[in-house]
Amino acid sequence: MEDLHVEVYCQDSMPGMNLISIHKEYPKNVHIIKYLSRKKEEFVFQYIPWLKIIKSFDVVFVAGNPRVISDFLFGTFCRLINKKIVLWTMAHSFRGNKYTENVRLVWSRLFPVIFVYTDKEVIFLKDKGFKKNYIIGMNNGLDQKKIDEAIANLTIEYLENWKIKNNLNTKSIIISCARLDKKNNFMLVLKALRNIIKEIPNFLWILIGDGDEEQMLKSEVENMNLKDYVFFLGPIYEETKLAPYFLSASIFVHPSAIGLSLLLAFGFGLPVIVHGIEELHNPEFGAFTNGETGLIFEKDNHNDLSSKIISLLKSPEKIKDMGRRAQFIARNNYNVDVMAERFVEIAKYTQNK
C-alpha cells in the first residue's frame, strides 16, 4: 500500500533458536535494536526507542508476549497514554503453561484492538470473554506465490525423469520437514516404520532438516536395519529445492506440535498426518480439519500412527482429494498476501478509530 509506511524495531537474531532473519533485505524499514536475552528467549529486554516511536508513528504494533519485558512495559505505557496501539499476540502457545497464558490473556484485555495468528484464535478469545475487543486473525502462512511458482516450473516430464534419476519413481513416499530435535519426536515415526513396511514394501520416508537428534536418529536407522526406508536430506529452505521432494511424496507426517510446516505441506498439495491434541499445537493447526485435509493419530502411539499412514497410502483418491482441499486453503486463506491485507485492515481501523 503506497499510503502505508511501516518500520520495524527488532533483534537481529534469537539466541539458541534456528531462525533465518531477512531483516537485511529491508534496510530502510528495519531497525536493529540492542537486547538482553536469557535461555532461548525465556526472558527478554529490548532497548526500544519509546519516545521516537510514540512521536513518529500514527499506530504502534506491540508484540504481546509478556516474557519480552520491554514490550510488556512499552505496550502498557502506550495504552495508558491512549496511543493508538495494536496488540499483536498469540491466544495460545503449546510452549506456554496455564499460568503464563492466563497472565498474557489478562494483560491482553487492556487493548481494544488485537491482532492474532488465525481466525480460530479470534473465536477462542471471544469465547474467553473478549466481547468488546476488535480482533482480527492474520491467518499466518507462507509465501504461496513462491511455492506455486516452484510447482509451475516442474513439468510432469521433468519430475518423472528426476524421480528416476534419484531412484524415487517406484517408491511410496511420506515426507517430514522440521528441526531434528527431541520436541519433534521423530523417533515415533521410526517406531512406526516396521508396521508400515510389512504392508508397503516400497515405502520411503524423506526427512528434511537437521538438529540435536540427527546423529541419534541415523544411528537408530542403522540399528533397526531401516536404512533402505529412510532418506535424510539435511536442511533445505528454498521452495525450488523443496518442490521435487514434496511433489514426489504422497503425505506429510509430523509426529509432534505442528505450526507453519502444516502450511508448507498444504502449499504443495499434501495431506497431513498429525496428532489431534489441539492445545499442544501452534495456532496454524487451526487450518487443519481431520478427514478433510489429513488424518489425526493418537499422540505418542506409533501403532496408530502407522495405521493412519498405511490406510492413507492405500487410498490414492483420498490423498488427491485431501491434497486439493489443503492447497485451496493455503492459496486462499493462509498465506502472506492474506496476512498483508489483514495487517493493512487492522492498521487503518486503528488509525481511524
Protein backbone atom coordinates (compact mmCIF):
# COMPACT_ATOMS: atom_id res chain seq x y z
CA MET A 1 0.00 0.00 0.00
CA GLU A 2 1.53 3.28 -1.11
CA ASP A 3 -0.20 5.24 1.66
CA LEU A 4 1.11 2.98 4.42
CA HIS A 5 4.64 3.34 5.75
CA VAL A 6 5.89 0.60 8.08
CA GLU A 7 9.02 0.50 10.20
CA VAL A 8 10.10 -2.39 12.40
CA TYR A 9 12.24 -2.34 15.55
CA CYS A 10 13.59 -5.80 16.34
CA GLN A 11 16.53 -8.04 17.25
CA ASP A 12 18.82 -9.34 14.53
CA SER A 13 18.62 -12.90 15.91
CA MET A 14 17.12 -15.06 18.66
CA PRO A 15 19.83 -16.87 20.64
CA GLY A 16 19.55 -20.66 20.71
CA MET A 17 16.86 -20.77 18.03
CA ASN A 18 17.39 -21.91 14.43
CA LEU A 19 15.78 -18.98 12.63
CA ILE A 20 16.86 -17.23 9.46
CA SER A 21 16.34 -13.47 9.59
CA ILE A 22 15.61 -11.44 6.43
CA HIS A 23 16.00 -8.02 8.02
CA LYS A 24 18.92 -7.17 5.70
CA GLU A 25 16.53 -7.21 2.74
CA TYR A 26 14.73 -4.16 4.18
CA PRO A 27 17.47 -1.79 5.40
CA LYS A 28 15.22 1.30 5.18
CA ASN A 29 12.38 -0.21 7.18
CA VAL A 30 14.00 -2.45 9.78
CA HIS A 31 15.92 -1.05 12.75
CA ILE A 32 18.06 -3.46 14.76
CA ILE A 33 17.98 -2.78 18.50
CA LYS A 34 20.11 -4.00 21.36
CA TYR A 35 18.66 -6.55 23.75
CA LEU A 36 19.28 -8.82 26.72
CA SER A 37 18.13 -12.45 26.48
CA ARG A 38 18.10 -15.48 28.74
CA LYS A 39 17.72 -19.19 27.83
CA LYS A 40 16.17 -19.18 24.36
CA GLU A 41 14.10 -16.06 24.97
CA GLU A 42 12.77 -17.20 28.35
CA PHE A 43 13.09 -13.54 29.34
CA VAL A 44 14.00 -10.68 27.01
CA PHE A 45 14.54 -6.96 27.37
CA GLN A 46 14.85 -4.86 24.22
CA TYR A 47 16.12 -1.29 24.19
CA ILE A 48 13.13 0.21 22.37
CA PRO A 49 13.26 3.96 21.49
CA TRP A 50 9.96 4.75 23.21
CA LEU A 51 9.72 8.49 22.57
CA LYS A 52 10.78 8.27 18.92
CA ILE A 53 8.17 5.60 18.16
CA ILE A 54 5.36 7.38 20.02
CA LYS A 55 6.06 10.71 18.30
CA SER A 56 6.80 9.40 14.81
CA PHE A 57 4.02 6.89 14.11
CA ASP A 58 0.24 7.07 13.97
CA VAL A 59 -0.25 3.43 15.01
CA VAL A 60 2.04 1.21 17.07
CA PHE A 61 2.03 -2.60 16.90
CA VAL A 62 3.43 -4.27 20.01
CA ALA A 63 4.21 -7.97 20.34
CA GLY A 64 2.03 -9.47 23.04
CA ASN A 65 4.45 -11.76 24.84
CA PRO A 66 4.91 -10.68 28.49
CA ARG A 67 8.22 -12.58 28.59
CA VAL A 68 9.57 -9.73 26.46
CA ILE A 69 9.57 -7.38 29.43
CA SER A 70 10.23 -4.28 27.35
CA ASP A 71 7.19 -4.93 25.12
CA PHE A 72 5.03 -5.52 28.19
CA LEU A 73 6.12 -2.19 29.69
CA PHE A 74 6.01 -0.24 26.41
CA GLY A 75 2.63 -1.64 25.39
CA THR A 76 1.12 -0.85 28.79
CA PHE A 77 2.53 2.68 28.69
CA CYS A 78 1.11 3.29 25.20
CA ARG A 79 -2.28 2.10 26.41
CA LEU A 80 -2.16 4.37 29.46
CA ILE A 81 -1.46 7.47 27.34
CA ASN A 82 -4.15 6.42 24.80
CA LYS A 83 -1.67 5.96 21.97
CA LYS A 84 -3.29 4.15 19.05
CA ILE A 85 -1.94 0.66 19.50
CA VAL A 86 -2.46 -2.87 18.19
CA LEU A 87 -1.50 -5.80 20.38
CA TRP A 88 -0.04 -8.48 18.10
CA THR A 89 -0.29 -11.64 20.15
CA MET A 90 -0.88 -15.38 20.28
CA ALA A 91 -4.02 -16.54 22.04
CA HIS A 92 -2.46 -19.88 22.86
CA SER A 93 1.02 -21.44 22.57
CA PHE A 94 1.94 -25.08 23.12
CA ARG A 95 5.23 -23.86 24.64
CA GLY A 96 3.46 -21.90 27.36
CA ASN A 97 1.88 -23.07 30.56
CA LYS A 98 -1.51 -22.21 32.02
CA TYR A 99 -0.08 -19.58 34.36
CA THR A 100 1.83 -17.61 31.71
CA GLU A 101 -1.08 -17.96 29.28
CA ASN A 102 -3.51 -16.55 31.84
CA VAL A 103 -1.14 -13.64 32.53
CA ARG A 104 -0.99 -12.91 28.80
CA LEU A 105 -4.77 -13.08 28.42
CA VAL A 106 -5.45 -10.82 31.42
CA TRP A 107 -2.97 -8.27 30.07
CA SER A 108 -4.39 -8.57 26.54
CA ARG A 109 -7.83 -7.46 27.76
CA LEU A 110 -6.41 -3.96 28.24
CA PHE A 111 -6.09 -3.49 24.48
CA PRO A 112 -9.17 -2.58 22.41
CA VAL A 113 -7.53 -3.80 19.16
CA ILE A 114 -5.86 -7.21 18.94
CA PHE A 115 -4.14 -8.97 16.04
CA VAL A 116 -3.85 -12.77 16.41
CA TYR A 117 -2.47 -15.58 14.26
CA THR A 118 -5.62 -17.24 12.95
CA ASP A 119 -9.39 -16.82 12.63
CA LYS A 120 -9.75 -19.70 15.06
CA GLU A 121 -7.89 -17.69 17.70
CA VAL A 122 -10.43 -14.90 17.25
CA ILE A 123 -13.16 -17.38 18.21
CA PHE A 124 -11.01 -18.63 21.11
CA LEU A 125 -10.67 -15.11 22.56
CA LYS A 126 -14.33 -14.26 22.06
CA ASP A 127 -15.22 -17.43 23.99
CA LYS A 128 -12.82 -16.27 26.71
CA GLY A 129 -14.82 -13.08 27.15
CA PHE A 130 -13.12 -10.65 24.76
CA LYS A 131 -16.51 -9.38 23.61
CA LYS A 132 -15.68 -5.68 23.34
CA ASN A 133 -12.26 -6.04 21.69
CA TYR A 134 -11.83 -5.62 17.94
CA ILE A 135 -9.90 -8.76 16.91
CA ILE A 136 -8.61 -9.88 13.52
CA GLY A 137 -6.78 -13.12 12.69
CA MET A 138 -3.94 -12.65 10.23
CA ASN A 139 -4.11 -16.34 9.15
CA ASN A 140 -0.37 -16.83 9.41
CA GLY A 141 1.09 -18.60 6.41
CA LEU A 142 3.89 -18.76 3.86
CA ASP A 143 4.61 -17.11 0.52
CA GLN A 144 2.29 -19.30 -1.53
CA LYS A 145 3.20 -17.46 -4.74
CA LYS A 146 6.78 -18.72 -4.41
CA ILE A 147 5.54 -22.25 -3.77
CA ASP A 148 3.19 -22.09 -6.77
CA GLU A 149 6.00 -20.74 -8.93
CA ALA A 150 8.27 -23.61 -7.86
CA ILE A 151 5.50 -26.08 -8.70
CA ALA A 152 4.80 -24.48 -12.10
CA ASN A 153 8.48 -24.69 -13.08
CA LEU A 154 8.44 -28.50 -12.79
CA THR A 155 6.81 -30.17 -15.76
CA ILE A 156 5.41 -33.69 -15.40
CA GLU A 157 8.13 -34.99 -17.71
CA TYR A 158 10.90 -33.29 -15.73
CA LEU A 159 9.55 -34.59 -12.42
CA GLU A 160 9.28 -38.16 -13.72
CA ASN A 161 12.87 -38.05 -15.00
CA TRP A 162 14.00 -36.54 -11.71
CA LYS A 163 12.35 -39.37 -9.78
CA ILE A 164 14.07 -41.97 -11.97
CA LYS A 165 17.43 -40.25 -11.55
CA ASN A 166 17.01 -40.24 -7.75
CA ASN A 167 15.55 -43.78 -7.56
CA LEU A 168 12.22 -42.49 -6.27
CA ASN A 169 9.98 -43.48 -9.17
CA THR A 170 8.92 -46.80 -7.61
CA LYS A 171 8.61 -45.55 -4.04
CA SER A 172 5.56 -44.82 -1.91
CA ILE A 173 6.79 -41.70 -0.12
CA ILE A 174 5.92 -39.77 3.02
CA ILE A 175 7.83 -36.62 3.92
CA SER A 176 8.65 -34.60 7.05
CA CYS A 177 10.33 -31.21 7.33
CA ALA A 178 11.37 -29.77 10.71
CA ARG A 179 14.22 -29.50 13.18
CA LEU A 180 15.53 -32.89 14.24
CA ASP A 181 15.05 -32.08 17.91
CA LYS A 182 13.57 -34.02 20.79
CA LYS A 183 10.41 -31.90 20.82
CA ASN A 184 9.55 -33.02 17.29
CA ASN A 185 9.55 -36.69 18.34
CA PHE A 186 10.71 -38.20 15.03
CA MET A 187 11.69 -41.35 16.88
CA LEU A 188 7.97 -42.14 16.91
CA VAL A 189 7.96 -42.38 13.10
CA LEU A 190 10.93 -44.76 13.20
CA LYS A 191 9.00 -46.98 15.62
CA ALA A 192 6.06 -46.96 13.20
CA LEU A 193 8.14 -47.99 10.19
CA ARG A 194 8.26 -51.74 10.87
CA ASN A 195 4.47 -51.92 10.71
CA ILE A 196 4.41 -49.81 7.56
CA ILE A 197 6.97 -51.74 5.52
CA LYS A 198 5.18 -55.00 6.20
CA GLU A 199 2.19 -53.59 4.33
CA ILE A 200 4.03 -51.32 1.88
CA PRO A 201 7.47 -52.78 0.99
CA ASN A 202 8.36 -49.96 -1.44
CA PHE A 203 7.89 -47.36 1.31
CA LEU A 204 10.29 -44.43 1.85
CA TRP A 205 10.34 -41.68 4.49
CA ILE A 206 12.10 -38.48 3.38
CA LEU A 207 13.25 -36.38 6.33
CA ILE A 208 14.30 -32.75 5.75
CA GLY A 209 16.11 -30.85 8.49
CA ASP A 210 18.96 -31.04 10.97
CA GLY A 211 19.27 -30.70 14.72
CA ASP A 212 20.49 -32.15 18.01
CA GLU A 213 18.97 -35.58 17.37
CA GLU A 214 20.22 -36.06 13.82
CA GLN A 215 23.06 -38.47 14.67
CA MET A 216 20.89 -40.39 17.14
CA LEU A 217 18.18 -40.87 14.52
CA LYS A 218 20.71 -42.00 11.91
CA SER A 219 22.18 -44.47 14.39
CA GLU A 220 18.73 -45.83 15.19
CA VAL A 221 18.03 -46.27 11.48
CA GLU A 222 21.19 -48.37 11.21
CA ASN A 223 20.44 -50.35 14.38
CA MET A 224 16.87 -51.06 13.25
CA ASN A 225 18.07 -52.02 9.76
CA LEU A 226 15.87 -49.35 8.17
CA LYS A 227 18.45 -47.55 6.00
CA ASP A 228 16.59 -48.53 2.82
CA TYR A 229 13.43 -46.86 4.09
CA VAL A 230 14.68 -43.51 5.44
CA PHE A 231 16.34 -40.73 3.44
CA PHE A 232 17.98 -37.90 5.42
CA LEU A 233 18.25 -34.78 3.26
CA GLY A 234 19.53 -32.22 5.75
CA PRO A 235 18.16 -28.66 5.90
CA ILE A 236 16.54 -27.20 2.76
CA TYR A 237 14.85 -23.80 2.74
CA GLU A 238 14.38 -22.74 -0.90
CA GLU A 239 10.99 -23.56 -2.41
CA THR A 240 12.60 -24.57 -5.72
CA LYS A 241 14.76 -27.18 -3.97
CA LEU A 242 11.92 -28.45 -1.78
CA ALA A 243 9.47 -28.77 -4.67
CA PRO A 244 10.60 -32.04 -6.33
CA TYR A 245 10.68 -33.87 -2.98
CA PHE A 246 7.26 -32.60 -1.87
CA LEU A 247 5.75 -33.29 -5.28
CA SER A 248 7.14 -36.84 -5.20
CA ALA A 249 5.57 -37.51 -1.78
CA SER A 250 2.01 -38.55 -1.00
CA ILE A 251 1.68 -37.49 2.65
CA PHE A 252 3.31 -35.05 5.07
CA VAL A 253 3.81 -36.52 8.56
CA HIS A 254 4.59 -34.57 11.72
CA PRO A 255 4.53 -36.55 14.99
CA SER A 256 4.56 -33.61 17.41
CA ALA A 257 3.35 -29.99 17.74
CA ILE A 258 2.89 -28.50 14.29
CA GLY A 259 2.99 -24.90 13.11
CA LEU A 260 3.94 -23.34 9.78
CA SER A 261 5.12 -26.68 8.38
CA LEU A 262 1.41 -27.51 8.10
CA LEU A 263 1.02 -24.67 5.59
CA LEU A 264 4.18 -25.78 3.77
CA ALA A 265 2.62 -29.19 3.22
CA PHE A 266 -0.73 -27.65 2.26
CA GLY A 267 1.00 -25.33 -0.19
CA PHE A 268 2.45 -28.29 -2.08
CA GLY A 269 -0.91 -30.09 -2.01
CA LEU A 270 -0.12 -32.74 0.58
CA PRO A 271 -2.50 -34.06 3.25
CA VAL A 272 -1.04 -34.06 6.76
CA ILE A 273 -0.98 -36.74 9.45
CA VAL A 274 -0.59 -35.23 12.92
CA HIS A 275 -1.77 -35.90 16.47
CA GLY A 276 -5.11 -34.44 17.46
CA ILE A 277 -4.48 -32.66 20.78
CA GLU A 278 -5.20 -29.12 19.59
CA GLU A 279 -3.92 -27.26 22.65
CA LEU A 280 -0.43 -28.73 22.11
CA HIS A 281 -0.15 -27.32 18.58
CA ASN A 282 0.73 -23.87 17.32
CA PRO A 283 -2.08 -21.60 16.05
CA GLU A 284 -1.60 -22.69 12.41
CA PHE A 285 -3.23 -26.00 13.34
CA GLY A 286 -6.49 -24.07 13.01
CA ALA A 287 -6.21 -24.56 9.23
CA PHE A 288 -6.41 -28.36 9.64
CA THR A 289 -9.62 -30.40 9.52
CA ASN A 290 -9.48 -34.10 10.34
CA GLY A 291 -10.75 -36.24 7.48
CA GLU A 292 -10.66 -33.32 5.03
CA THR A 293 -7.05 -32.10 4.94
CA GLY A 294 -5.45 -35.13 6.57
CA LEU A 295 -5.79 -37.53 9.46
CA ILE A 296 -5.11 -37.39 13.18
CA PHE A 297 -3.48 -40.17 15.20
CA GLU A 298 -3.38 -40.88 18.90
CA LYS A 299 -0.49 -38.89 20.37
CA ASP A 300 2.67 -40.93 21.07
CA ASN A 301 1.05 -44.12 19.73
CA HIS A 302 3.30 -45.44 16.97
CA ASN A 303 0.87 -48.26 16.13
CA ASP A 304 -1.94 -45.80 15.48
CA LEU A 305 0.45 -43.59 13.52
CA SER A 306 1.47 -46.49 11.28
CA SER A 307 -2.17 -47.47 10.85
CA LYS A 308 -3.11 -43.98 9.65
CA ILE A 309 -0.15 -43.79 7.26
CA ILE A 310 -0.91 -47.22 5.78
CA SER A 311 -4.62 -46.51 5.36
CA LEU A 312 -3.98 -43.23 3.57
CA LEU A 313 -1.20 -44.57 1.34
CA LYS A 314 -3.61 -47.29 0.22
CA SER A 315 -6.22 -44.65 -0.70
CA PRO A 316 -4.70 -42.59 -3.56
CA GLU A 317 -8.01 -40.92 -4.44
CA LYS A 318 -8.46 -39.80 -0.85
CA ILE A 319 -4.90 -38.42 -0.90
CA LYS A 320 -5.68 -36.39 -4.04
CA ASP A 321 -8.94 -35.08 -2.61
CA MET A 322 -7.39 -34.08 0.72
CA GLY A 323 -4.41 -32.54 -1.08
CA ARG A 324 -6.65 -30.39 -3.26
CA ARG A 325 -8.54 -29.12 -0.22
CA ALA A 326 -5.30 -28.42 1.64
CA GLN A 327 -3.81 -26.50 -1.28
CA PHE A 328 -7.01 -24.45 -1.71
CA ILE A 329 -6.70 -23.37 1.94
CA ALA A 330 -3.05 -22.37 1.52
CA ARG A 331 -3.78 -20.44 -1.67
CA ASN A 332 -6.88 -18.63 -0.46
CA ASN A 333 -6.91 -18.39 3.32
CA TYR A 334 -3.45 -18.82 4.89
CA ASN A 335 -0.56 -17.02 3.16
CA VAL A 336 1.49 -13.83 3.28
CA ASP A 337 -0.85 -11.99 0.91
CA VAL A 338 -3.79 -12.57 3.25
CA MET A 339 -1.55 -11.55 6.17
CA ALA A 340 -0.61 -8.28 4.43
CA GLU A 341 -4.23 -7.44 3.61
CA ARG A 342 -5.31 -8.02 7.19
CA PHE A 343 -2.35 -6.08 8.59
CA VAL A 344 -3.40 -3.10 6.49
CA GLU A 345 -7.03 -3.56 7.53
CA ILE A 346 -6.31 -3.53 11.25
CA ALA A 347 -3.79 -0.66 10.95
CA LYS A 348 -6.32 1.54 9.15
CA TYR A 349 -9.09 0.59 11.56
CA THR A 350 -6.90 1.61 14.50
CA GLN A 351 -5.82 4.87 12.87
CA ASN A 352 -9.42 5.89 12.14
CA LYS A 353 -10.84 4.73 15.47
